[in-house]
Amino acid sequence: MTIEQWSVLYHLWKEDGKSQQELCNATFRDKPSITRLVDNLEKLQLVKRVASESDRRINRIYLTRLAQKLQEQTMGLAEETLNEALGGVPADKVDVCKTVLQIVYDNLK
């Protein structure tokens, strides 16, 4: 699984059934990139596309059971990576760091 695929799954773990456009907005990717990522996640049997009942032009993306099972495992790896990235940062500065990074992230939306 690539970091790009994981980022799509991450947003679906937060809210399953997002539209492809919502995933574009959440991950800062264009439509062709999201389409390619969702295609690959479907091949891995991690997501499924379902046409919206209210508008058949819109696809909702849902996690499979396999993807739901991967959440705990991959979130643990993400936590380890974050801990490595924060190595050497004094404990009292971690919250400041997270706050600043959240502001930067929000500004990019």
PDB file of N, CA and C in Angstrom:
ATOM      1  N   MET A   1       0.845  -1.177   0.000  1.00  0.00           N
ATOM      2  CA  MET A   1       0.000   0.000   0.000  1.00  0.00           C
ATOM      3  C   MET A   1       0.891   1.240   0.000  1.00  0.00           C
ATOM      4  N   THR A   2       0.548   2.190  -0.852  1.00  0.00           N
ATOM      5  CA  THR A   2       1.312   3.431  -0.927  1.00  0.00           C
ATOM      6  C   THR A   2       0.759   4.458   0.063  1.00  0.00           C
ATOM      7  N   ILE A   3       1.541   5.487   0.311  1.00  0.00           N
ATOM      8  CA  ILE A   3       1.083   6.562   1.203  1.00  0.00           C
ATOM      9  C   ILE A   3      -0.142   7.254   0.610  1.00  0.00           C
ATOM     10  N   GLU A   4      -0.196   7.355  -0.713  1.00  0.00           N
ATOM     11  CA  GLU A   4      -1.353   7.978  -1.358  1.00  0.00           C
ATOM     12  C   GLU A   4      -2.611   7.143  -1.139  1.00  0.00           C
ATOM     13  N   GLN A   5      -2.476   5.822  -1.273  1.00  0.00           N
ATOM     14  CA  GLN A   5      -3.613   4.940  -1.025  1.00  0.00           C
ATOM     15  C   GLN A   5      -4.029   5.015   0.443  1.00  0.00           C
ATOM     16  N   TRP A   6      -3.036   5.033   1.327  1.00  0.00           N
ATOM     17  CA  TRP A   6      -3.340   5.110   2.755  1.00  0.00           C
ATOM     18  C   TRP A   6      -4.097   6.394   3.079  1.00  0.00           C
ATOM     19  N   SER A   7      -3.719   7.496   2.429  1.00  0.00           N
ATOM     20  CA  SER A   7      -4.393   8.769   2.722  1.00  0.00           C
ATOM     21  C   SER A   7      -5.870   8.714   2.334  1.00  0.00           C
ATOM     22  N   VAL A   8      -6.195   8.031   1.251  1.00  0.00           N
ATOM     23  CA  VAL A   8      -7.600   7.867   0.860  1.00  0.00           C
ATOM     24  C   VAL A   8      -8.318   7.012   1.906  1.00  0.00           C
ATOM     25  N   LEU A   9      -7.694   5.901   2.293  1.00  0.00           N
ATOM     26  CA  LEU A   9      -8.298   5.041   3.316  1.00  0.00           C
ATOM     27  C   LEU A   9      -8.486   5.795   4.626  1.00  0.00           C
ATOM     28  N   TYR A  10      -7.508   6.603   4.990  1.00  0.00           N
ATOM     29  CA  TYR A  10      -7.586   7.373   6.237  1.00  0.00           C
ATOM     30  C   TYR A  10      -8.853   8.230   6.263  1.00  0.00           C
ATOM     31  N   HIS A  11      -9.123   8.911   5.168  1.00  0.00           N
ATOM     32  CA  HIS A  11     -10.308   9.771   5.128  1.00  0.00           C
ATOM     33  C   HIS A  11     -11.594   8.943   5.117  1.00  0.00           C
ATOM     34  N   LEU A  12     -11.547   7.759   4.550  1.00  0.00           N
ATOM     35  CA  LEU A  12     -12.719   6.877   4.591  1.00  0.00           C
ATOM     36  C   LEU A  12     -12.901   6.275   5.977  1.00  0.00           C
ATOM     37  N   TRP A  13     -11.815   6.030   6.695  1.00  0.00           N
ATOM     38  CA  TRP A  13     -11.935   5.551   8.072  1.00  0.00           C
ATOM     39  C   TRP A  13     -12.606   6.616   8.941  1.00  0.00           C
ATOM     40  N   LYS A  14     -12.321   7.873   8.633  1.00  0.00           N
ATOM     41  CA  LYS A  14     -12.954   8.963   9.379  1.00  0.00           C
ATOM     42  C   LYS A  14     -14.431   9.091   9.013  1.00  0.00           C
ATOM     43  N   GLU A  15     -14.752   8.900   7.736  1.00  0.00           N
ATOM     44  CA  GLU A  15     -16.144   8.991   7.265  1.00  0.00           C
ATOM     45  C   GLU A  15     -16.293   8.135   6.016  1.00  0.00           C
ATOM     46  N   ASP A  16     -16.842   6.959   6.195  1.00  0.00           N
ATOM     47  CA  ASP A  16     -17.039   6.023   5.087  1.00  0.00           C
ATOM     48  C   ASP A  16     -18.127   6.545   4.157  1.00  0.00           C
ATOM     49  N   GLY A  17     -17.998   6.230   2.874  1.00  0.00           N
ATOM     50  CA  GLY A  17     -19.026   6.600   1.910  1.00  0.00           C
ATOM     51  C   GLY A  17     -18.867   7.983   1.317  1.00  0.00           C
ATOM     52  N   LYS A  18     -17.653   8.520   1.369  1.00  0.00           N
ATOM     53  CA  LYS A  18     -17.412   9.830   0.753  1.00  0.00           C
ATOM     54  C   LYS A  18     -17.498   9.704  -0.765  1.00  0.00           C
ATOM     55  N   SER A  19     -17.840  10.791  -1.403  1.00  0.00           N
ATOM     56  CA  SER A  19     -17.826  10.809  -2.870  1.00  0.00           C
ATOM     57  C   SER A  19     -16.381  10.981  -3.340  1.00  0.00           C
ATOM     58  N   GLN A  20     -16.157  10.685  -4.606  1.00  0.00           N
ATOM     59  CA  GLN A  20     -14.811  10.862  -5.137  1.00  0.00           C
ATOM     60  C   GLN A  20     -14.403  12.337  -5.065  1.00  0.00           C
ATOM     61  N   GLN A  21     -15.357  13.248  -5.279  1.00  0.00           N
ATOM     62  CA  GLN A  21     -15.042  14.675  -5.186  1.00  0.00           C
ATOM     63  C   GLN A  21     -14.644  15.055  -3.765  1.00  0.00           C
ATOM     64  N   GLU A  22     -15.331  14.512  -2.780  1.00  0.00           N
ATOM     65  CA  GLU A  22     -14.982  14.785  -1.384  1.00  0.00           C
ATOM     66  C   GLU A  22     -13.577  14.265  -1.075  1.00  0.00           C
ATOM     67  N   LEU A  23     -13.227  13.119  -1.646  1.00  0.00           N
ATOM     68  CA  LEU A  23     -11.870  12.586  -1.458  1.00  0.00           C
ATOM     69  C   LEU A  23     -10.833  13.476  -2.141  1.00  0.00           C
ATOM     70  N   CYS A  24     -11.180  14.030  -3.297  1.00  0.00           N
ATOM     71  CA  CYS A  24     -10.280  14.990  -3.970  1.00  0.00           C
ATOM     72  C   CYS A  24      -9.996  16.163  -3.042  1.00  0.00           C
ATOM     73  N   ASN A  25     -11.046  16.718  -2.480  1.00  0.00           N
ATOM     74  CA  ASN A  25     -10.902  17.876  -1.605  1.00  0.00           C
ATOM     75  C   ASN A  25     -10.115  17.534  -0.345  1.00  0.00           C
ATOM     76  N   ALA A  26     -10.387  16.388   0.235  1.00  0.00           N
ATOM     77  CA  ALA A  26      -9.745  16.009   1.492  1.00  0.00           C
ATOM     78  C   ALA A  26      -8.263  15.699   1.321  1.00  0.00           C
ATOM     79  N   THR A  27      -7.891  15.177   0.156  1.00  0.00           N
ATOM     80  CA  THR A  27      -6.506  14.749  -0.056  1.00  0.00           C
ATOM     81  C   THR A  27      -5.709  15.702  -0.946  1.00  0.00           C
ATOM     82  N   PHE A  28      -6.338  16.779  -1.397  1.00  0.00           N
ATOM     83  CA  PHE A  28      -5.685  17.771  -2.265  1.00  0.00           C
ATOM     84  C   PHE A  28      -5.199  17.142  -3.570  1.00  0.00           C
ATOM     85  N   ARG A  29      -5.998  16.242  -4.126  1.00  0.00           N
ATOM     86  CA  ARG A  29      -5.639  15.599  -5.396  1.00  0.00           C
ATOM     87  C   ARG A  29      -6.709  15.913  -6.438  1.00  0.00           C
ATOM     88  N   ASP A  30      -6.311  15.817  -7.707  1.00  0.00           N
ATOM     89  CA  ASP A  30      -7.275  16.057  -8.772  1.00  0.00           C
ATOM     90  C   ASP A  30      -8.088  14.795  -9.054  1.00  0.00           C
ATOM     91  N   LYS A  31      -9.140  14.948  -9.858  1.00  0.00           N
ATOM     92  CA  LYS A  31     -10.055  13.841 -10.125  1.00  0.00           C
ATOM     93  C   LYS A  31      -9.372  12.643 -10.778  1.00  0.00           C
ATOM     94  N   PRO A  32      -8.513  12.847 -11.786  1.00  0.00           N
ATOM     95  CA  PRO A  32      -7.854  11.674 -12.379  1.00  0.00           C
ATOM     96  C   PRO A  32      -6.986  10.906 -11.369  1.00  0.00           C
ATOM     97  N   SER A  33      -6.330  11.627 -10.465  1.00  0.00           N
ATOM     98  CA  SER A  33      -5.504  10.959  -9.451  1.00  0.00           C
ATOM     99  C   SER A  33      -6.363  10.127  -8.503  1.00  0.00           C
ATOM    100  N   ILE A  34      -7.473  10.688  -8.060  1.00  0.00           N
ATOM    101  CA  ILE A  34      -8.364   9.957  -7.150  1.00  0.00           C
ATOM    102  C   ILE A  34      -8.976   8.752  -7.868  1.00  0.00           C
ATOM    103  N   THR A  35      -9.349   8.937  -9.115  1.00  0.00           N
ATOM    104  CA  THR A  35      -9.910   7.820  -9.880  1.00  0.00           C
ATOM    105  C   THR A  35      -8.911   6.676  -9.956  1.00  0.00           C
ATOM    106  N   ARG A  36      -7.661   7.001 -10.242  1.00  0.00           N
ATOM    107  CA  ARG A  36      -6.600   5.992 -10.326  1.00  0.00           C
ATOM    108  C   ARG A  36      -6.378   5.319  -8.962  1.00  0.00           C
ATOM    109  N   LEU A  37      -6.351   6.113  -7.898  1.00  0.00           N
ATOM    110  CA  LEU A  37      -6.164   5.557  -6.558  1.00  0.00           C
ATOM    111  C   LEU A  37      -7.315   4.634  -6.173  1.00  0.00           C
ATOM    112  N   VAL A  38      -8.538   5.062  -6.441  1.00  0.00           N
ATOM    113  CA  VAL A  38      -9.699   4.237  -6.112  1.00  0.00           C
ATOM    114  C   VAL A  38      -9.700   2.966  -6.960  1.00  0.00           C
ATOM    115  N   ASP A  39      -9.332   3.078  -8.246  1.00  0.00           N
ATOM    116  CA  ASP A  39      -9.210   1.884  -9.102  1.00  0.00           C
ATOM    117  C   ASP A  39      -8.262   0.873  -8.473  1.00  0.00           C
ATOM    118  N   ASN A  40      -7.103   1.349  -8.040  1.00  0.00           N
ATOM    119  CA  ASN A  40      -6.102   0.459  -7.450  1.00  0.00           C
ATOM    120  C   ASN A  40      -6.567  -0.113  -6.115  1.00  0.00           C
ATOM    121  N   LEU A  41      -7.248   0.695  -5.311  1.00  0.00           N
ATOM    122  CA  LEU A  41      -7.782   0.200  -4.039  1.00  0.00           C
ATOM    123  C   LEU A  41      -8.879  -0.842  -4.274  1.00  0.00           C
ATOM    124  N   GLU A  42      -9.636  -0.667  -5.353  1.00  0.00           N
ATOM    125  CA  GLU A  42     -10.641  -1.683  -5.705  1.00  0.00           C
ATOM    126  C   GLU A  42      -9.966  -2.998  -6.097  1.00  0.00           C
ATOM    127  N   LYS A  43      -8.889  -2.902  -6.867  1.00  0.00           N
ATOM    128  CA  LYS A  43      -8.150  -4.108  -7.264  1.00  0.00           C
ATOM    129  C   LYS A  43      -7.593  -4.843  -6.052  1.00  0.00           C
ATOM    130  N   LEU A  44      -7.231  -4.081  -5.018  1.00  0.00           N
ATOM    131  CA  LEU A  44      -6.729  -4.678  -3.776  1.00  0.00           C
ATOM    132  C   LEU A  44      -7.871  -5.131  -2.863  1.00  0.00           C
ATOM    133  N   GLN A  45      -9.104  -4.938  -3.319  1.00  0.00           N
ATOM    134  CA  GLN A  45     -10.310  -5.296  -2.580  1.00  0.00           C
ATOM    135  C   GLN A  45     -10.414  -4.564  -1.235  1.00  0.00           C
ATOM    136  N   LEU A  46     -10.006  -3.291  -1.250  1.00  0.00           N
ATOM    137  CA  LEU A  46     -10.065  -2.479  -0.037  1.00  0.00           C
ATOM    138  C   LEU A  46     -11.239  -1.502  -0.046  1.00  0.00           C
ATOM    139  N   VAL A  47     -11.733  -1.161  -1.237  1.00  0.00           N
ATOM    140  CA  VAL A  47     -12.888  -0.267  -1.345  1.00  0.00           C
ATOM    141  C   VAL A  47     -13.810  -0.779  -2.437  1.00  0.00           C
ATOM    142  N   LYS A  48     -15.036  -0.246  -2.418  1.00  0.00           N
ATOM    143  CA  LYS A  48     -15.978  -0.521  -3.499  1.00  0.00           C
ATOM    144  C   LYS A  48     -16.703   0.775  -3.835  1.00  0.00           C
ATOM    145  N   ARG A  49     -16.977   0.945  -5.125  1.00  0.00           N
ATOM    146  CA  ARG A  49     -17.731   2.098  -5.594  1.00  0.00           C
ATOM    147  C   ARG A  49     -19.210   1.732  -5.614  1.00  0.00           C
ATOM    148  N   VAL A  50     -20.021   2.675  -5.157  1.00  0.00           N
ATOM    149  CA  VAL A  50     -21.468   2.492  -5.205  1.00  0.00           C
ATOM    150  C   VAL A  50     -22.068   3.783  -5.753  1.00  0.00           C
ATOM    151  N   ALA A  51     -22.875   3.659  -6.794  1.00  0.00           N
ATOM    152  CA  ALA A  51     -23.521   4.838  -7.366  1.00  0.00           C
ATOM    153  C   ALA A  51     -24.485   5.432  -6.345  1.00  0.00           C
ATOM    154  N   SER A  52     -24.459   6.751  -6.240  1.00  0.00           N
ATOM    155  CA  SER A  52     -25.352   7.445  -5.308  1.00  0.00           C
ATOM    156  C   SER A  52     -26.799   7.226  -5.733  1.00  0.00           C
ATOM    157  N   GLU A  53     -27.657   7.020  -4.735  1.00  0.00           N
ATOM    158  CA  GLU A  53     -29.075   6.832  -5.035  1.00  0.00           C
ATOM    159  C   GLU A  53     -29.722   8.114  -5.535  1.00  0.00           C
ATOM    160  N   SER A  54     -29.228   9.258  -5.059  1.00  0.00           N
ATOM    161  CA  SER A  54     -29.839  10.533  -5.446  1.00  0.00           C
ATOM    162  C   SER A  54     -29.288  11.074  -6.768  1.00  0.00           C
ATOM    163  N   ASP A  55     -28.065  10.679  -7.133  1.00  0.00           N
ATOM    164  CA  ASP A  55     -27.454  11.162  -8.370  1.00  0.00           C
ATOM    165  C   ASP A  55     -26.503  10.087  -8.883  1.00  0.00           C
ATOM    166  N   ARG A  56     -26.922   9.362  -9.900  1.00  0.00           N
ATOM    167  CA  ARG A  56     -26.159   8.221 -10.401  1.00  0.00           C
ATOM    168  C   ARG A  56     -24.789   8.622 -10.968  1.00  0.00           C
ATOM    169  N   ARG A  57     -24.581   9.917 -11.207  1.00  0.00           N
ATOM    170  CA  ARG A  57     -23.275  10.369 -11.709  1.00  0.00           C
ATOM    171  C   ARG A  57     -22.225  10.378 -10.605  1.00  0.00           C
ATOM    172  N   ILE A  58     -22.679  10.343  -9.351  1.00  0.00           N
ATOM    173  CA  ILE A  58     -21.775  10.418  -8.204  1.00  0.00           C
ATOM    174  C   ILE A  58     -21.523   9.016  -7.663  1.00  0.00           C
ATOM    175  N   ASN A  59     -20.250   8.687  -7.501  1.00  0.00           N
ATOM    176  CA  ASN A  59     -19.878   7.428  -6.868  1.00  0.00           C
ATOM    177  C   ASN A  59     -19.521   7.669  -5.416  1.00  0.00           C
ATOM    178  N   ARG A  60     -20.072   6.866  -4.539  1.00  0.00           N
ATOM    179  CA  ARG A  60     -19.687   6.871  -3.129  1.00  0.00           C
ATOM    180  C   ARG A  60     -18.682   5.743  -2.961  1.00  0.00           C
ATOM    181  N   ILE A  61     -17.652   5.985  -2.153  1.00  0.00           N
ATOM    182  CA  ILE A  61     -16.602   4.998  -1.947  1.00  0.00           C
ATOM    183  C   ILE A  61     -16.746   4.440  -0.535  1.00  0.00           C
ATOM    184  N   TYR A  62     -16.855   3.120  -0.464  1.00  0.00           N
ATOM    185  CA  TYR A  62     -17.039   2.441   0.818  1.00  0.00           C
ATOM    186  C   TYR A  62     -15.896   1.468   1.076  1.00  0.00           C
ATOM    187  N   LEU A  63     -15.530   1.379   2.329  1.00  0.00           N
ATOM    188  CA  LEU A  63     -14.494   0.441   2.751  1.00  0.00           C
ATOM    189  C   LEU A  63     -15.034  -0.983   2.744  1.00  0.00           C
ATOM    190  N   THR A  64     -14.161  -1.916   2.410  1.00  0.00           N
ATOM    191  CA  THR A  64     -14.508  -3.329   2.559  1.00  0.00           C
ATOM    192  C   THR A  64     -14.109  -3.766   3.966  1.00  0.00           C
ATOM    193  N   ARG A  65     -14.501  -4.966   4.328  1.00  0.00           N
ATOM    194  CA  ARG A  65     -14.116  -5.486   5.649  1.00  0.00           C
ATOM    195  C   ARG A  65     -12.604  -5.587   5.776  1.00  0.00           C
ATOM    196  N   LEU A  66     -11.943  -5.951   4.679  1.00  0.00           N
ATOM    197  CA  LEU A  66     -10.483  -6.049   4.700  1.00  0.00           C
ATOM    198  C   LEU A  66      -9.857  -4.703   5.052  1.00  0.00           C
ATOM    199  N   ALA A  67     -10.357  -3.638   4.455  1.00  0.00           N
ATOM    200  CA  ALA A  67      -9.831  -2.299   4.746  1.00  0.00           C
ATOM    201  C   ALA A  67     -10.115  -1.902   6.188  1.00  0.00           C
ATOM    202  N   GLN A  68     -11.269  -2.275   6.680  1.00  0.00           N
ATOM    203  CA  GLN A  68     -11.600  -1.950   8.074  1.00  0.00           C
ATOM    204  C   GLN A  68     -10.658  -2.674   9.027  1.00  0.00           C
ATOM    205  N   LYS A  69     -10.292  -3.895   8.683  1.00  0.00           N
ATOM    206  CA  LYS A  69      -9.362  -4.656   9.521  1.00  0.00           C
ATOM    207  C   LYS A  69      -7.954  -4.054   9.481  1.00  0.00           C
ATOM    208  N   LEU A  70      -7.586  -3.448   8.357  1.00  0.00           N
ATOM    209  CA  LEU A  70      -6.260  -2.847   8.215  1.00  0.00           C
ATOM    210  C   LEU A  70      -6.101  -1.557   9.014  1.00  0.00           C
ATOM    211  N   GLN A  71      -7.202  -0.949   9.406  1.00  0.00           N
ATOM    212  CA  GLN A  71      -7.139   0.348  10.076  1.00  0.00           C
ATOM    213  C   GLN A  71      -6.259   0.301  11.318  1.00  0.00           C
ATOM    214  N   GLU A  72      -6.498  -0.633  12.197  1.00  0.00           N
ATOM    215  CA  GLU A  72      -5.733  -0.680  13.444  1.00  0.00           C
ATOM    216  C   GLU A  72      -4.243  -0.897  13.170  1.00  0.00           C
ATOM    217  N   GLN A  73      -3.945  -1.818  12.272  1.00  0.00           N
ATOM    218  CA  GLN A  73      -2.552  -2.121  11.947  1.00  0.00           C
ATOM    219  C   GLN A  73      -1.840  -0.916  11.332  1.00  0.00           C
ATOM    220  N   THR A  74      -2.464  -0.284  10.351  1.00  0.00           N
ATOM    221  CA  THR A  74      -1.800   0.821   9.671  1.00  0.00           C
ATOM    222  C   THR A  74      -1.749   2.081  10.539  1.00  0.00           C
ATOM    223  N   MET A  75      -2.743   2.265  11.389  1.00  0.00           N
ATOM    224  CA  MET A  75      -2.703   3.421  12.282  1.00  0.00           C
ATOM    225  C   MET A  75      -1.558   3.258  13.282  1.00  0.00           C
ATOM    226  N   GLY A  76      -1.276   2.026  13.686  1.00  0.00           N
ATOM    227  CA  GLY A  76      -0.131   1.767  14.559  1.00  0.00           C
ATOM    228  C   GLY A  76       1.173   2.132  13.876  1.00  0.00           C
ATOM    229  N   LEU A  77       1.295   1.786  12.600  1.00  0.00           N
ATOM    230  CA  LEU A  77       2.497   2.143  11.839  1.00  0.00           C
ATOM    231  C   LEU A  77       2.615   3.659  11.675  1.00  0.00           C
ATOM    232  N   ALA A  78       1.483   4.312  11.453  1.00  0.00           N
ATOM    233  CA  ALA A  78       1.487   5.771  11.322  1.00  0.00           C
ATOM    234  C   ALA A  78       1.934   6.417  12.630  1.00  0.00           C
ATOM    235  N   GLU A  79       1.482   5.871  13.742  1.00  0.00           N
ATOM    236  CA  GLU A  79       1.876   6.382  15.064  1.00  0.00           C
ATOM    237  C   GLU A  79       3.381   6.227  15.272  1.00  0.00           C
ATOM    238  N   GLU A  80       3.915   5.066  14.880  1.00  0.00           N
ATOM    239  CA  GLU A  80       5.363   4.842  14.985  1.00  0.00           C
ATOM    240  C   GLU A  80       6.132   5.845  14.133  1.00  0.00           C
ATOM    241  N   THR A  81       5.641   6.078  12.922  1.00  0.00           N
ATOM    242  CA  THR A  81       6.297   7.030  12.020  1.00  0.00           C
ATOM    243  C   THR A  81       6.264   8.436  12.613  1.00  0.00           C
ATOM    244  N   LEU A  82       5.131   8.809  13.177  1.00  0.00           N
ATOM    245  CA  LEU A  82       5.013  10.124  13.811  1.00  0.00           C
ATOM    246  C   LEU A  82       5.977  10.251  14.979  1.00  0.00           C
ATOM    247  N   ASN A  83       6.082   9.202  15.779  1.00  0.00           N
ATOM    248  CA  ASN A  83       7.012   9.233  16.908  1.00  0.00           C
ATOM    249  C   ASN A  83       8.459   9.385  16.440  1.00  0.00           C
ATOM    250  N   GLU A  84       8.813   8.704  15.347  1.00  0.00           N
ATOM    251  CA  GLU A  84      10.156   8.855  14.782  1.00  0.00           C
ATOM    252  C   GLU A  84      10.376  10.281  14.292  1.00  0.00           C
ATOM    253  N   ALA A  85       9.349  10.835  13.624  1.00  0.00           N
ATOM    254  CA  ALA A  85       9.465  12.197  13.085  1.00  0.00           C
ATOM    255  C   ALA A  85       9.609  13.228  14.194  1.00  0.00           C
ATOM    256  N   LEU A  86       9.026  12.939  15.355  1.00  0.00           N
ATOM    257  CA  LEU A  86       9.085  13.875  16.479  1.00  0.00           C
ATOM    258  C   LEU A  86      10.287  13.613  17.387  1.00  0.00           C
ATOM    259  N   GLY A  87      11.136  12.673  17.001  1.00  0.00           N
ATOM    260  CA  GLY A  87      12.328  12.374  17.796  1.00  0.00           C
ATOM    261  C   GLY A  87      13.181  13.619  17.991  1.00  0.00           C
ATOM    262  N   GLY A  88      13.590  13.858  19.211  1.00  0.00           N
ATOM    263  CA  GLY A  88      14.406  15.031  19.503  1.00  0.00           C
ATOM    264  C   GLY A  88      13.609  16.292  19.792  1.00  0.00           C
ATOM    265  N   VAL A  89      12.309  16.264  19.545  1.00  0.00           N
ATOM    266  CA  VAL A  89      11.468  17.417  19.857  1.00  0.00           C
ATOM    267  C   VAL A  89      11.091  17.303  21.335  1.00  0.00           C
ATOM    268  N   PRO A  90      11.404  18.337  22.117  1.00  0.00           N
ATOM    269  CA  PRO A  90      11.059  18.278  23.543  1.00  0.00           C
ATOM    270  C   PRO A  90       9.560  18.052  23.736  1.00  0.00           C
ATOM    271  N   ALA A  91       9.208  17.252  24.728  1.00  0.00           N
ATOM    272  CA  ALA A  91       7.811  16.886  24.973  1.00  0.00           C
ATOM    273  C   ALA A  91       6.906  18.104  25.105  1.00  0.00           C
ATOM    274  N   ASP A  92       7.408  19.174  25.727  1.00  0.00           N
ATOM    275  CA  ASP A  92       6.569  20.363  25.924  1.00  0.00           C
ATOM    276  C   ASP A  92       6.369  21.147  24.622  1.00  0.00           C
ATOM    277  N   LYS A  93       7.094  20.801  23.564  1.00  0.00           N
ATOM    278  CA  LYS A  93       6.959  21.495  22.278  1.00  0.00           C
ATOM    279  C   LYS A  93       6.128  20.700  21.264  1.00  0.00           C
ATOM    280  N   VAL A  94       5.818  19.445  21.579  1.00  0.00           N
ATOM    281  CA  VAL A  94       5.073  18.599  20.638  1.00  0.00           C
ATOM    282  C   VAL A  94       3.694  19.190  20.358  1.00  0.00           C
ATOM    283  N   ASP A  95       2.979  19.630  21.393  1.00  0.00           N
ATOM    284  CA  ASP A  95       1.655  20.212  21.180  1.00  0.00           C
ATOM    285  C   ASP A  95       1.729  21.472  20.328  1.00  0.00           C
ATOM    286  N   VAL A  96       2.748  22.288  20.553  1.00  0.00           N
ATOM    287  CA  VAL A  96       2.935  23.500  19.740  1.00  0.00           C
ATOM    288  C   VAL A  96       3.180  23.104  18.293  1.00  0.00           C
ATOM    289  N   CYS A  97       4.011  22.105  18.099  1.00  0.00           N
ATOM    290  CA  CYS A  97       4.323  21.618  16.757  1.00  0.00           C
ATOM    291  C   CYS A  97       3.057  21.141  16.053  1.00  0.00           C
ATOM    292  N   LYS A  98       2.252  20.340  16.734  1.00  0.00           N
ATOM    293  CA  LYS A  98       1.019  19.831  16.151  1.00  0.00           C
ATOM    294  C   LYS A  98       0.054  20.958  15.820  1.00  0.00           C
ATOM    295  N   THR A  99      -0.039  21.941  16.714  1.00  0.00           N
ATOM    296  CA  THR A  99      -0.929  23.076  16.488  1.00  0.00           C
ATOM    297  C   THR A  99      -0.511  23.851  15.247  1.00  0.00           C
ATOM    298  N   VAL A 100       0.786  24.129  15.127  1.00  0.00           N
ATOM    299  CA  VAL A 100       1.292  24.878  13.973  1.00  0.00           C
ATOM    300  C   VAL A 100       1.062  24.093  12.685  1.00  0.00           C
ATOM    301  N   LEU A 101       1.351  22.799  12.701  1.00  0.00           N
ATOM    302  CA  LEU A 101       1.149  21.977  11.503  1.00  0.00           C
ATOM    303  C   LEU A 101      -0.329  21.908  11.123  1.00  0.00           C
ATOM    304  N   GLN A 102      -1.222  21.880  12.103  1.00  0.00           N
ATOM    305  CA  GLN A 102      -2.651  21.874  11.804  1.00  0.00           C
ATOM    306  C   GLN A 102      -3.065  23.184  11.146  1.00  0.00           C
ATOM    307  N   ILE A 103      -2.523  24.296  11.606  1.00  0.00           N
ATOM    308  CA  ILE A 103      -2.820  25.595  10.999  1.00  0.00           C
ATOM    309  C   ILE A 103      -2.338  25.615   9.552  1.00  0.00           C
ATOM    310  N   VAL A 104      -1.118  25.119   9.320  1.00  0.00           N
ATOM    311  CA  VAL A 104      -0.576  25.065   7.958  1.00  0.00           C
ATOM    312  C   VAL A 104      -1.479  24.198   7.079  1.00  0.00           C
ATOM    313  N   TYR A 105      -1.868  23.036   7.581  1.00  0.00           N
ATOM    314  CA  TYR A 105      -2.741  22.128   6.831  1.00  0.00           C
ATOM    315  C   TYR A 105      -4.066  22.814   6.503  1.00  0.00           C
ATOM    316  N   ASP A 106      -4.670  23.457   7.493  1.00  0.00           N
ATOM    317  CA  ASP A 106      -5.948  24.151   7.282  1.00  0.00           C
ATOM    318  C   ASP A 106      -5.806  25.268   6.264  1.00  0.00           C
ATOM    319  N   ASN A 107      -4.678  25.959   6.284  1.00  0.00           N
ATOM    320  CA  ASN A 107      -4.454  27.037   5.323  1.00  0.00           C
ATOM    321  C   ASN A 107      -4.368  26.507   3.886  1.00  0.00           C
ATOM    322  N   LEU A 108      -3.915  25.282   3.727  1.00  0.00           N
ATOM    323  CA  LEU A 108      -3.795  24.696   2.391  1.00  0.00           C
ATOM    324  C   LEU A 108      -5.128  24.234   1.817  1.00  0.00           C
ATOM    325  N   LYS A 109      -6.125  24.113   2.676  1.00  0.00           N
ATOM    326  CA  LYS A 109      -7.455  23.713   2.195  1.00  0.00           C
ATOM    327  C   LYS A 109      -8.002  24.831   1.387  1.00  0.00           C
TER     328      LYS A 109
END
